[in-house]
Every structure is written in structure tokens, then in C-alpha cells.
Amino acid sequence: MKATVRLTWVLALLLLGAASPVRGQDRRDIQLGDDIARSVNTYTRLTIFDDIGASIDNGVVTLTGKVTMPYKKTDLERRVTKNDGVRSVRNEIGVLPVSQYDDEIRYRVARAIYGNSSFWTYASMANPPIHIIVEGGHVTLAGVVNSNVERMLARSLASGLGELSVTNALRTDAEAKSN
């Protein structure tokens, strides 16, 4: 069984996969997923402008997502490798290009979303759950929100701020738990 983890580094570990009975190796992968989530969640240099995912198959960890700086990719791989049970790490994390245009869009979208009273609870969290990935002027919203209304509101707030497109990859809490 392959365990997949979406690490929004603030939320609980989300394990995706078949709903089959848990076997010995599966249990080790699930425990390893918890350990990896903890390693990523406690990495203090991740921001709302980064998004990390991981899948685990018999101790082989594949890291995915996007980060704003190259050192984050390297640091995350090092942190994950230190977990007991990790046989190897495939680091497929992408590094977003340096762009003043993208930076301006990131900050505009972050202010629009987290400055809205509907998202103040999220904004006050140590690690807010909505991640804003901007690459070449294209915005992707990732993470988990409480409801479909919040998902749609976040997408609406992220639009019309100079971006070329907005992709809404936000999931509701219920959707995240059911996967």
C-alpha cells in the first residue's frame, strides 16, 4: 500500500490511499508519514507561499510541491531523511523562479485573503492553512478550509489582482478527511 501525505505543514497528516486493512508495512508507512509531517510542520522557514506534499511506499519517500527558495528544498530533504524508517528520498520539490512580479502578486493575494474578516481566524494561526503559490503570474491556492463557501470566497478574493489566472486547489476539511 502506498501512503500519500499532503503536508500543508499546519494541518494534521492527511493519508490518501486505498481503504484496505492495514498490514505491517502499511503501519510502518503510516507511522513514518506522521513523523515526516512533524518534520515538515516544524520547519520554521516554510511560509504561506510554499506547499509541500509527500508519498511513502515501503520507506521510500517522494517529496513534491513548490518552495520559494532553493535552500528550503534541500533543508526539507535533509529533515525527512533523518526520520527512522526512511530508506530513500526522491526530492521532486520545485523551486519557484525569482520574480518581483510574482512577489507582488503573492503579497496582494495574501493581503486580500487574510485581510478579509472571514479569514481572520486563519490569519491568526501560527501556520495559516491557505497557501498561495505564484509562478509566472499564475496563482494556485492550496491547503484546507472549513467549507465550500470559504473555498469560493478565497478564490474570488485572489482574482483581479494582476494575476494571469487563479487555480483553486483548496479542499474542504471534510474532503481532506475523506481522502
Protein backbone atom coordinates (compact mmCIF):
# COMPACT_ATOMS: atom_id res chain seq x y z
CA MET A 1 0.00 0.00 0.00
CA LYS A 2 1.30 3.43 -0.86
CA ALA A 3 0.60 6.14 1.70
CA THR A 4 0.37 9.68 0.39
CA VAL A 5 0.62 12.74 2.58
CA ARG A 6 -0.37 16.30 1.73
CA LEU A 7 1.73 18.44 4.01
CA THR A 8 0.33 21.87 4.35
CA TRP A 9 2.64 22.00 7.34
CA VAL A 10 -0.03 23.31 9.65
CA LEU A 11 -2.73 20.73 9.34
CA ALA A 12 -2.91 17.20 10.60
CA LEU A 13 -1.41 14.49 8.44
CA LEU A 14 -3.68 13.50 5.57
CA LEU A 15 -3.18 9.94 4.43
CA LEU A 16 -4.52 9.11 0.98
CA GLY A 17 -4.84 5.64 -0.43
CA ALA A 18 -6.92 2.51 -0.63
CA ALA A 19 -9.24 1.67 2.24
CA SER A 20 -7.75 -1.79 2.67
CA PRO A 21 -6.92 -3.42 6.01
CA VAL A 22 -3.70 -2.06 7.44
CA ARG A 23 -0.84 -4.56 7.17
CA GLY A 24 2.58 -4.46 8.87
CA GLN A 25 4.40 -2.44 6.22
CA ASP A 26 1.38 -0.17 5.83
CA ARG A 27 1.50 0.60 9.55
CA ARG A 28 5.20 1.50 9.28
CA ASP A 29 4.44 3.81 6.33
CA ILE A 30 1.59 5.44 8.28
CA GLN A 31 3.83 6.00 11.31
CA LEU A 32 6.57 7.27 9.01
CA GLY A 33 4.02 9.64 7.46
CA ASP A 34 3.27 11.04 10.92
CA ASP A 35 6.99 11.52 11.54
CA ILE A 36 7.53 13.20 8.17
CA ALA A 37 4.55 15.51 8.71
CA ARG A 38 6.02 16.51 12.07
CA SER A 39 9.43 17.16 10.44
CA VAL A 40 7.90 19.37 7.76
CA ASN A 41 5.42 21.10 10.09
CA THR A 42 8.19 22.15 12.46
CA TYR A 43 10.37 23.59 9.68
CA THR A 44 10.19 27.27 10.57
CA ARG A 45 11.22 28.63 7.16
CA LEU A 46 8.11 27.45 5.32
CA THR A 47 5.61 30.21 4.61
CA ILE A 48 2.15 30.54 3.10
CA PHE A 49 3.95 30.88 -0.23
CA ASP A 50 5.26 27.26 -0.08
CA ASP A 51 3.31 24.00 -0.42
CA ILE A 52 4.74 20.53 0.25
CA GLY A 53 3.39 17.03 -0.36
CA ALA A 54 4.83 13.58 0.25
CA SER A 55 4.07 9.99 -0.65
CA ILE A 56 5.52 6.98 1.12
CA ASP A 57 5.88 3.47 -0.28
CA ASN A 58 7.78 0.93 1.82
CA GLY A 59 10.01 3.60 3.32
CA VAL A 60 10.70 5.36 0.02
CA VAL A 61 9.56 8.97 0.40
CA THR A 62 8.75 11.17 -2.59
CA LEU A 63 8.59 14.89 -1.79
CA THR A 64 6.56 17.13 -4.11
CA GLY A 65 5.32 20.71 -4.17
CA LYS A 66 6.79 24.16 -4.62
CA VAL A 67 9.00 26.37 -2.47
CA THR A 68 10.20 29.94 -2.90
CA MET A 69 13.89 29.35 -2.17
CA PRO A 70 16.32 26.55 -3.18
CA TYR A 71 17.65 26.07 0.38
CA LYS A 72 14.15 25.05 1.53
CA LYS A 73 14.14 22.13 -0.91
CA THR A 74 17.50 20.93 0.42
CA ASP A 75 16.61 21.52 4.08
CA LEU A 76 13.33 19.59 3.76
CA GLU A 77 15.06 16.63 2.16
CA ARG A 78 17.65 16.59 4.98
CA ARG A 79 14.92 16.78 7.64
CA VAL A 80 12.90 13.95 6.10
CA THR A 81 15.98 11.73 5.63
CA LYS A 82 16.66 11.85 9.40
CA ASN A 83 13.40 10.02 10.22
CA ASP A 84 13.75 6.36 11.27
CA GLY A 85 12.34 4.09 8.59
CA VAL A 86 13.19 6.30 5.60
CA ARG A 87 15.02 4.11 3.11
CA SER A 88 15.45 6.84 0.50
CA VAL A 89 14.06 10.22 -0.53
CA ARG A 90 13.12 11.32 -4.03
CA ASN A 91 13.08 15.10 -3.91
CA GLU A 92 10.74 16.39 -6.63
CA ILE A 93 10.07 19.72 -4.93
CA GLY A 94 10.09 22.56 -7.46
CA VAL A 95 11.72 25.90 -6.74
CA LEU A 96 9.69 28.90 -7.88
CA PRO A 97 11.62 31.38 -10.04
CA VAL A 98 12.68 34.69 -8.54
CA SER A 99 10.32 37.35 -9.84
CA GLN A 100 9.35 40.74 -8.48
CA TYR A 101 6.08 40.47 -10.42
CA ASP A 102 5.25 37.15 -8.73
CA ASP A 103 6.25 38.54 -5.31
CA GLU A 104 3.88 41.49 -5.74
CA ILE A 105 1.03 39.15 -6.67
CA ARG A 106 1.81 36.89 -3.68
CA TYR A 107 1.54 39.80 -1.27
CA ARG A 108 -1.60 41.21 -2.91
CA VAL A 109 -3.36 37.84 -2.77
CA ALA A 110 -2.22 37.20 0.82
CA ARG A 111 -3.49 40.62 1.92
CA ALA A 112 -6.78 40.13 0.10
CA ILE A 113 -7.43 36.71 1.62
CA TYR A 114 -6.02 37.03 5.11
CA GLY A 115 -7.17 40.65 5.42
CA ASN A 116 -10.78 39.58 4.88
CA SER A 117 -12.71 39.15 8.13
CA SER A 118 -13.87 35.68 7.05
CA PHE A 119 -10.25 34.50 7.21
CA TRP A 120 -9.03 36.34 10.32
CA THR A 121 -9.14 33.11 12.32
CA TYR A 122 -6.78 31.51 9.80
CA ALA A 123 -4.58 34.60 9.70
CA SER A 124 -4.07 34.45 13.46
CA MET A 125 -2.75 30.87 13.28
CA ALA A 126 0.98 30.28 13.58
CA ASN A 127 0.88 28.48 10.21
CA PRO A 128 -2.15 29.66 8.18
CA PRO A 129 -3.71 26.84 6.13
CA ILE A 130 -4.22 28.61 2.78
CA HIS A 131 -1.08 28.52 0.65
CA ILE A 132 -0.54 30.92 -2.24
CA ILE A 133 1.71 29.60 -4.98
CA VAL A 134 2.53 32.09 -7.75
CA GLU A 135 4.54 31.05 -10.78
CA GLY A 136 4.83 33.26 -13.83
CA GLY A 137 1.81 35.30 -12.78
CA HIS A 138 -0.39 32.21 -12.34
CA VAL A 139 -1.84 31.75 -8.84
CA THR A 140 -2.65 28.42 -7.24
CA LEU A 141 -4.46 28.33 -3.91
CA ALA A 142 -3.67 25.15 -1.95
CA GLY A 143 -4.49 23.87 1.51
CA VAL A 144 -7.62 23.18 3.52
CA VAL A 145 -10.54 25.40 4.54
CA ASN A 146 -13.63 24.66 6.62
CA SER A 147 -16.30 24.94 3.92
CA ASN A 148 -17.03 25.26 0.23
CA VAL A 149 -18.14 28.86 0.87
CA GLU A 150 -14.66 29.69 2.20
CA ARG A 151 -13.06 27.93 -0.76
CA MET A 152 -15.10 30.00 -3.23
CA LEU A 153 -14.56 33.24 -1.28
CA ALA A 154 -10.78 32.70 -1.24
CA ARG A 155 -10.79 32.17 -5.00
CA SER A 156 -12.87 35.30 -5.51
CA LEU A 157 -10.55 37.38 -3.31
CA ALA A 158 -7.49 36.10 -5.22
CA SER A 159 -8.89 37.29 -8.55
CA GLY A 160 -8.44 40.68 -10.21
CA LEU A 161 -5.13 41.49 -8.53
CA GLY A 162 -2.89 41.45 -11.61
CA GLU A 163 -2.59 37.66 -11.88
CA LEU A 164 -2.89 35.84 -15.20
CA SER A 165 -5.03 33.01 -13.78
CA VAL A 166 -6.21 31.50 -10.50
CA THR A 167 -6.39 27.77 -9.87
CA ASN A 168 -8.37 26.83 -6.79
CA ALA A 169 -6.87 23.62 -5.36
CA LEU A 170 -8.26 24.30 -1.87
CA ARG A 171 -10.08 21.40 -0.26
CA THR A 172 -12.66 21.45 2.48
CA ASP A 173 -11.92 19.84 5.81
CA ALA A 174 -14.50 17.13 5.03
CA GLU A 175 -12.85 16.36 1.67
CA ALA A 176 -9.41 16.16 3.28
CA LYS A 177 -10.63 13.74 5.95
CA SER A 178 -12.42 11.52 3.46
CA ASN A 179 -9.29 11.01 1.36
